[in-house]
PDB file of N, CA and C in Angstrom:
ATOM      1  N   UNK A   1       7.966  14.213   6.010  1.00  0.00           N
ATOM      2  CA  UNK A   1       7.671  12.795   5.815  1.00  0.00           C
ATOM      3  C   UNK A   1       7.470  12.591   4.367  1.00  0.00           C
ATOM      4  N   UNK A   2       8.357  11.737   3.764  1.00  0.00           N
ATOM      5  CA  UNK A   2       8.280  11.352   2.432  1.00  0.00           C
ATOM      6  C   UNK A   2       7.406  10.192   2.201  1.00  0.00           C
ATOM      7  N   UNK A   3       6.627   9.972   1.165  1.00  0.00           N
ATOM      8  CA  UNK A   3       5.748   8.982   0.932  1.00  0.00           C
ATOM      9  C   UNK A   3       6.290   8.271  -0.291  1.00  0.00           C
ATOM     10  N   UNK A   4       6.166   6.960  -0.257  1.00  0.00           N
ATOM     11  CA  UNK A   4       6.659   6.238  -1.528  1.00  0.00           C
ATOM     12  C   UNK A   4       5.357   6.220  -2.292  1.00  0.00           C
ATOM     13  N   UNK A   5       5.601   6.572  -3.666  1.00  0.00           N
ATOM     14  CA  UNK A   5       4.467   6.393  -4.738  1.00  0.00           C
ATOM     15  C   UNK A   5       3.993   5.034  -4.857  1.00  0.00           C
ATOM     16  N   UNK A   6       2.532   4.853  -4.890  1.00  0.00           N
ATOM     17  CA  UNK A   6       2.086   3.621  -5.080  1.00  0.00           C
ATOM     18  C   UNK A   6       2.454   2.930  -6.436  1.00  0.00           C
ATOM     19  N   UNK A   7       2.585   1.751  -6.496  1.00  0.00           N
ATOM     20  CA  UNK A   7       2.994   1.091  -7.799  1.00  0.00           C
ATOM     21  C   UNK A   7       1.827   0.062  -8.130  1.00  0.00           C
ATOM     22  N   UNK A   8       1.716  -0.318  -9.428  1.00  0.00           N
ATOM     23  CA  UNK A   8       0.953  -1.459  -9.721  1.00  0.00           C
ATOM     24  C   UNK A   8       1.560  -2.634  -9.774  1.00  0.00           C
ATOM     25  N   UNK A   9       0.900  -3.673  -9.412  1.00  0.00           N
ATOM     26  CA  UNK A   9       1.432  -5.149  -9.315  1.00  0.00           C
ATOM     27  C   UNK A   9       0.651  -5.875 -10.211  1.00  0.00           C
ATOM     28  N   UNK A  10       1.194  -6.684 -11.285  1.00  0.00           N
ATOM     29  CA  UNK A  10       0.525  -7.586 -12.144  1.00  0.00           C
ATOM     30  C   UNK A  10      -0.088  -8.665 -11.325  1.00  0.00           C
ATOM     31  N   UNK A  11      -1.052  -9.468 -11.998  1.00  0.00           N
ATOM     32  CA  UNK A  11      -1.761 -10.563 -11.425  1.00  0.00           C
ATOM     33  C   UNK A  11      -0.718 -11.596 -10.960  1.00  0.00           C
ATOM     34  N   UNK A  12       0.435 -11.908 -11.788  1.00  0.00           N
ATOM     35  CA  UNK A  12       1.516 -12.710 -11.373  1.00  0.00           C
ATOM     36  C   UNK A  12       2.127 -12.371 -10.085  1.00  0.00           C
ATOM     37  N   UNK A  13       2.419 -11.057 -10.023  1.00  0.00           N
ATOM     38  CA  UNK A  13       3.068 -10.695  -8.752  1.00  0.00           C
ATOM     39  C   UNK A  13       2.220 -10.623  -7.509  1.00  0.00           C
ATOM     40  N   UNK A  14       0.910 -10.401  -7.731  1.00  0.00           N
ATOM     41  CA  UNK A  14       0.019 -10.610  -6.662  1.00  0.00           C
ATOM     42  C   UNK A  14      -0.132 -12.070  -6.294  1.00  0.00           C
ATOM     43  N   UNK A  15      -0.095 -12.966  -7.190  1.00  0.00           N
ATOM     44  CA  UNK A  15      -0.172 -14.319  -6.878  1.00  0.00           C
ATOM     45  C   UNK A  15       1.128 -14.716  -6.213  1.00  0.00           C
ATOM     46  N   UNK A  16       2.270 -14.232  -6.596  1.00  0.00           N
ATOM     47  CA  UNK A  16       3.562 -14.647  -5.794  1.00  0.00           C
ATOM     48  C   UNK A  16       3.528 -14.074  -4.460  1.00  0.00           C
ATOM     49  N   UNK A  17       3.038 -12.943  -4.195  1.00  0.00           N
ATOM     50  CA  UNK A  17       3.050 -12.264  -2.990  1.00  0.00           C
ATOM     51  C   UNK A  17       2.119 -12.795  -1.925  1.00  0.00           C
ATOM     52  N   UNK A  18       0.913 -13.451  -2.462  1.00  0.00           N
ATOM     53  CA  UNK A  18      -0.120 -13.814  -1.583  1.00  0.00           C
ATOM     54  C   UNK A  18      -0.093 -15.294  -1.568  1.00  0.00           C
ATOM     55  N   UNK A  19       0.422 -16.106  -2.603  1.00  0.00           N
ATOM     56  CA  UNK A  19       0.407 -17.587  -2.608  1.00  0.00           C
ATOM     57  C   UNK A  19      -0.972 -17.985  -2.982  1.00  0.00           C
ATOM     58  N   UNK A  20      -1.718 -17.106  -3.438  1.00  0.00           N
ATOM     59  CA  UNK A  20      -3.198 -17.551  -3.858  1.00  0.00           C
ATOM     60  C   UNK A  20      -3.148 -17.753  -5.374  1.00  0.00           C
ATOM     61  N   UNK A  21      -3.982 -18.706  -5.852  1.00  0.00           N
ATOM     62  CA  UNK A  21      -4.032 -19.052  -7.336  1.00  0.00           C
ATOM     63  C   UNK A  21      -4.986 -17.934  -7.878  1.00  0.00           C
ATOM     64  N   UNK A  22      -4.937 -17.936  -9.223  1.00  0.00           N
ATOM     65  CA  UNK A  22      -5.698 -16.894 -10.127  1.00  0.00           C
ATOM     66  C   UNK A  22      -7.194 -17.152  -9.661  1.00  0.00           C
ATOM     67  N   UNK A  23      -7.627 -18.296  -9.624  1.00  0.00           N
ATOM     68  CA  UNK A  23      -9.088 -18.596  -9.469  1.00  0.00           C
ATOM     69  C   UNK A  23      -9.416 -18.267  -8.011  1.00  0.00           C
ATOM     70  N   UNK A  24      -8.574 -18.430  -7.032  1.00  0.00           N
ATOM     71  CA  UNK A  24      -8.894 -17.991  -5.767  1.00  0.00           C
ATOM     72  C   UNK A  24      -9.114 -16.563  -5.513  1.00  0.00           C
ATOM     73  N   UNK A  25      -8.138 -15.874  -6.181  1.00  0.00           N
ATOM     74  CA  UNK A  25      -8.126 -14.231  -6.348  1.00  0.00           C
ATOM     75  C   UNK A  25      -9.440 -13.786  -6.926  1.00  0.00           C
ATOM     76  N   UNK A  26      -9.798 -14.474  -8.080  1.00  0.00           N
ATOM     77  CA  UNK A  26     -11.134 -14.143  -8.738  1.00  0.00           C
ATOM     78  C   UNK A  26     -12.348 -14.414  -7.799  1.00  0.00           C
ATOM     79  N   UNK A  27     -12.392 -15.658  -7.085  1.00  0.00           N
ATOM     80  CA  UNK A  27     -13.587 -15.877  -6.182  1.00  0.00           C
ATOM     81  C   UNK A  27     -13.585 -14.840  -5.073  1.00  0.00           C
ATOM     82  N   UNK A  28     -12.421 -14.555  -4.467  1.00  0.00           N
ATOM     83  CA  UNK A  28     -12.412 -13.706  -3.500  1.00  0.00           C
ATOM     84  C   UNK A  28     -12.622 -12.110  -3.806  1.00  0.00           C
ATOM     85  N   UNK A  29     -12.446 -11.852  -5.029  1.00  0.00           N
ATOM     86  CA  UNK A  29     -12.920 -10.479  -5.546  1.00  0.00           C
ATOM     87  C   UNK A  29     -14.260 -10.568  -5.830  1.00  0.00           C
ATOM     88  N   UNK A  30     -14.903 -11.374  -6.151  1.00  0.00           N
ATOM     89  CA  UNK A  30     -16.344 -11.542  -6.457  1.00  0.00           C
ATOM     90  C   UNK A  30     -17.204 -11.398  -5.010  1.00  0.00           C
ATOM     91  N   UNK A  31     -16.620 -11.880  -3.880  1.00  0.00           N
ATOM     92  CA  UNK A  31     -17.325 -11.767  -2.696  1.00  0.00           C
ATOM     93  C   UNK A  31     -16.871 -10.622  -1.884  1.00  0.00           C
ATOM     94  N   UNK A  32     -15.977  -9.756  -2.389  1.00  0.00           N
ATOM     95  CA  UNK A  32     -15.409  -8.642  -1.679  1.00  0.00           C
ATOM     96  C   UNK A  32     -14.444  -8.743  -0.640  1.00  0.00           C
ATOM     97  N   UNK A  33     -13.878 -10.005  -0.640  1.00  0.00           N
ATOM     98  CA  UNK A  33     -12.816 -10.453   0.371  1.00  0.00           C
ATOM     99  C   UNK A  33     -11.524 -10.002  -0.075  1.00  0.00           C
ATOM    100  N   UNK A  34     -11.299  -9.579  -1.322  1.00  0.00           N
ATOM    101  CA  UNK A  34      -9.870  -9.313  -1.870  1.00  0.00           C
ATOM    102  C   UNK A  34     -10.127  -7.786  -2.674  1.00  0.00           C
ATOM    103  N   UNK A  35      -8.954  -7.026  -2.493  1.00  0.00           N
ATOM    104  CA  UNK A  35      -8.975  -5.654  -3.209  1.00  0.00           C
ATOM    105  C   UNK A  35      -9.272  -5.919  -4.644  1.00  0.00           C
ATOM    106  N   UNK A  36     -10.060  -5.016  -5.264  1.00  0.00           N
ATOM    107  CA  UNK A  36     -10.394  -4.797  -6.676  1.00  0.00           C
ATOM    108  C   UNK A  36      -9.041  -4.338  -7.571  1.00  0.00           C
ATOM    109  N   UNK A  37      -9.047  -4.850  -8.633  1.00  0.00           N
ATOM    110  CA  UNK A  37      -7.960  -4.242  -9.420  1.00  0.00           C
ATOM    111  C   UNK A  37      -8.270  -2.988 -10.087  1.00  0.00           C
ATOM    112  N   UNK A  38      -7.198  -2.414 -10.743  1.00  0.00           N
ATOM    113  CA  UNK A  38      -7.378  -1.162 -11.517  1.00  0.00           C
ATOM    114  C   UNK A  38      -7.493  -1.726 -13.006  1.00  0.00           C
ATOM    115  N   UNK A  39      -8.260  -1.152 -13.934  1.00  0.00           N
ATOM    116  CA  UNK A  39      -8.241  -1.590 -15.125  1.00  0.00           C
ATOM    117  C   UNK A  39      -7.362  -0.623 -15.909  1.00  0.00           C
ATOM    118  N   UNK A  40      -6.318  -1.111 -16.684  1.00  0.00           N
ATOM    119  CA  UNK A  40      -5.410  -0.253 -17.223  1.00  0.00           C
ATOM    120  C   UNK A  40      -5.639   0.127 -18.537  1.00  0.00           C
ATOM    121  N   UNK A  41      -6.680  -0.520 -19.249  1.00  0.00           N
ATOM    122  CA  UNK A  41      -7.120   0.035 -20.610  1.00  0.00           C
ATOM    123  C   UNK A  41      -8.631  -0.015 -20.857  1.00  0.00           C
ATOM    124  N   UNK A  42      -9.211   0.517 -21.704  1.00  0.00           N
ATOM    125  CA  UNK A  42     -10.646   0.665 -21.896  1.00  0.00           C
ATOM    126  C   UNK A  42     -11.343  -0.653 -22.072  1.00  0.00           C
ATOM    127  N   UNK A  43     -10.814  -1.609 -22.693  1.00  0.00           N
ATOM    128  CA  UNK A  43     -11.376  -3.111 -22.912  1.00  0.00           C
ATOM    129  C   UNK A  43     -11.449  -3.895 -21.575  1.00  0.00           C
ATOM    130  N   UNK A  44     -10.738  -3.253 -20.471  1.00  0.00           N
ATOM    131  CA  UNK A  44     -10.541  -3.917 -19.333  1.00  0.00           C
ATOM    132  C   UNK A  44      -9.977  -5.334 -19.314  1.00  0.00           C
ATOM    133  N   UNK A  45      -8.934  -5.459 -20.334  1.00  0.00           N
ATOM    134  CA  UNK A  45      -8.264  -6.665 -20.495  1.00  0.00           C
ATOM    135  C   UNK A  45      -7.019  -6.642 -19.535  1.00  0.00           C
ATOM    136  N   UNK A  46      -6.499  -5.526 -19.222  1.00  0.00           N
ATOM    137  CA  UNK A  46      -5.152  -5.375 -18.525  1.00  0.00           C
ATOM    138  C   UNK A  46      -5.594  -4.817 -17.185  1.00  0.00           C
ATOM    139  N   UNK A  47      -5.235  -5.586 -16.125  1.00  0.00           N
ATOM    140  CA  UNK A  47      -5.548  -5.290 -14.859  1.00  0.00           C
ATOM    141  C   UNK A  47      -4.284  -5.305 -13.913  1.00  0.00           C
ATOM    142  N   UNK A  48      -4.394  -4.461 -12.753  1.00  0.00           N
ATOM    143  CA  UNK A  48      -3.361  -4.440 -11.969  1.00  0.00           C
ATOM    144  C   UNK A  48      -3.762  -4.094 -10.572  1.00  0.00           C
ATOM    145  N   UNK A  49      -2.980  -4.318  -9.489  1.00  0.00           N
ATOM    146  CA  UNK A  49      -3.537  -3.999  -8.235  1.00  0.00           C
ATOM    147  C   UNK A  49      -2.550  -2.955  -7.612  1.00  0.00           C
ATOM    148  N   UNK A  50      -3.156  -2.020  -6.769  1.00  0.00           N
ATOM    149  CA  UNK A  50      -2.336  -1.086  -6.085  1.00  0.00           C
ATOM    150  C   UNK A  50      -1.590  -1.737  -4.888  1.00  0.00           C
ATOM    151  N   UNK A  51      -0.209  -1.507  -5.015  1.00  0.00           N
ATOM    152  CA  UNK A  51       0.554  -2.352  -3.847  1.00  0.00           C
ATOM    153  C   UNK A  51       0.046  -1.996  -2.462  1.00  0.00           C
ATOM    154  N   UNK A  52      -0.385  -0.635  -2.306  1.00  0.00           N
ATOM    155  CA  UNK A  52      -0.624  -0.169  -0.929  1.00  0.00           C
ATOM    156  C   UNK A  52      -1.934  -0.972  -0.388  1.00  0.00           C
ATOM    157  N   UNK A  53      -2.841  -1.193  -1.554  1.00  0.00           N
ATOM    158  CA  UNK A  53      -4.176  -1.907  -1.063  1.00  0.00           C
ATOM    159  C   UNK A  53      -3.794  -3.297  -0.756  1.00  0.00           C
ATOM    160  N   UNK A  54      -2.943  -3.921  -1.686  1.00  0.00           N
ATOM    161  CA  UNK A  54      -2.523  -5.466  -1.272  1.00  0.00           C
ATOM    162  C   UNK A  54      -1.912  -5.573   0.016  1.00  0.00           C
ATOM    163  N   UNK A  55      -0.893  -4.653   0.417  1.00  0.00           N
ATOM    164  CA  UNK A  55      -0.341  -4.571   1.596  1.00  0.00           C
ATOM    165  C   UNK A  55      -1.261  -4.607   2.800  1.00  0.00           C
ATOM    166  N   UNK A  56      -2.291  -3.631   2.634  1.00  0.00           N
ATOM    167  CA  UNK A  56      -3.267  -3.516   3.666  1.00  0.00           C
ATOM    168  C   UNK A  56      -4.042  -4.849   3.855  1.00  0.00           C
ATOM    169  N   UNK A  57      -4.404  -5.314   2.632  1.00  0.00           N
ATOM    170  CA  UNK A  57      -5.175  -6.585   2.869  1.00  0.00           C
ATOM    171  C   UNK A  57      -4.407  -7.707   3.576  1.00  0.00           C
ATOM    172  N   UNK A  58      -3.119  -7.736   3.073  1.00  0.00           N
ATOM    173  CA  UNK A  58      -2.250  -8.726   3.733  1.00  0.00           C
ATOM    174  C   UNK A  58      -2.189  -8.537   5.194  1.00  0.00           C
ATOM    175  N   UNK A  59      -1.971  -7.301   5.694  1.00  0.00           N
ATOM    176  CA  UNK A  59      -1.975  -7.053   7.135  1.00  0.00           C
ATOM    177  C   UNK A  59      -3.127  -7.315   7.840  1.00  0.00           C
ATOM    178  N   UNK A  60      -4.297  -7.061   7.171  1.00  0.00           N
ATOM    179  CA  UNK A  60      -5.522  -7.355   7.898  1.00  0.00           C
ATOM    180  C   UNK A  60      -5.741  -8.870   7.964  1.00  0.00           C
ATOM    181  N   UNK A  61      -5.307  -9.648   7.157  1.00  0.00           N
ATOM    182  CA  UNK A  61      -5.223 -11.199   7.187  1.00  0.00           C
ATOM    183  C   UNK A  61      -4.538 -11.555   8.415  1.00  0.00           C
ATOM    184  N   UNK A  62      -3.252 -10.970   8.491  1.00  0.00           N
ATOM    185  CA  UNK A  62      -2.306 -11.291   9.600  1.00  0.00           C
ATOM    186  C   UNK A  62      -3.049 -10.970  11.084  1.00  0.00           C
ATOM    187  N   UNK A  63      -3.637  -9.818  11.140  1.00  0.00           N
ATOM    188  CA  UNK A  63      -4.307  -9.438  12.215  1.00  0.00           C
ATOM    189  C   UNK A  63      -5.498 -10.216  12.684  1.00  0.00           C
ATOM    190  N   UNK A  64      -6.334 -10.667  11.659  1.00  0.00           N
ATOM    191  CA  UNK A  64      -7.282 -11.559  12.010  1.00  0.00           C
ATOM    192  C   UNK A  64      -6.933 -12.882  12.519  1.00  0.00           C
ATOM    193  N   UNK A  65      -5.691 -13.271  12.499  1.00  0.00           N
ATOM    194  CA  UNK A  65      -5.395 -14.573  12.987  1.00  0.00           C
ATOM    195  C   UNK A  65      -4.571 -14.430  14.364  1.00  0.00           C
ATOM    196  N   UNK A  66      -4.805 -13.218  15.003  1.00  0.00           N
ATOM    197  CA  UNK A  66      -4.280 -12.980  16.415  1.00  0.00           C
ATOM    198  C   UNK A  66      -5.236 -12.620  17.259  1.00  0.00           C
TER     199      UNK A  66
END
């Protein structure tokens, strides 16, 4: 079995995939309702999300509606 390596998604990509605004993502992160980003530099100014975590979150949202 071959696994696809995880990739990082930028905030713009996350917003496009989820249709959520930047502020909604921020608020949901604060309450633990949304995956936390990975910080890409020491100053924590560059963030990205693991694609696998975002896909899992999206699947959980679909499952919650059934």
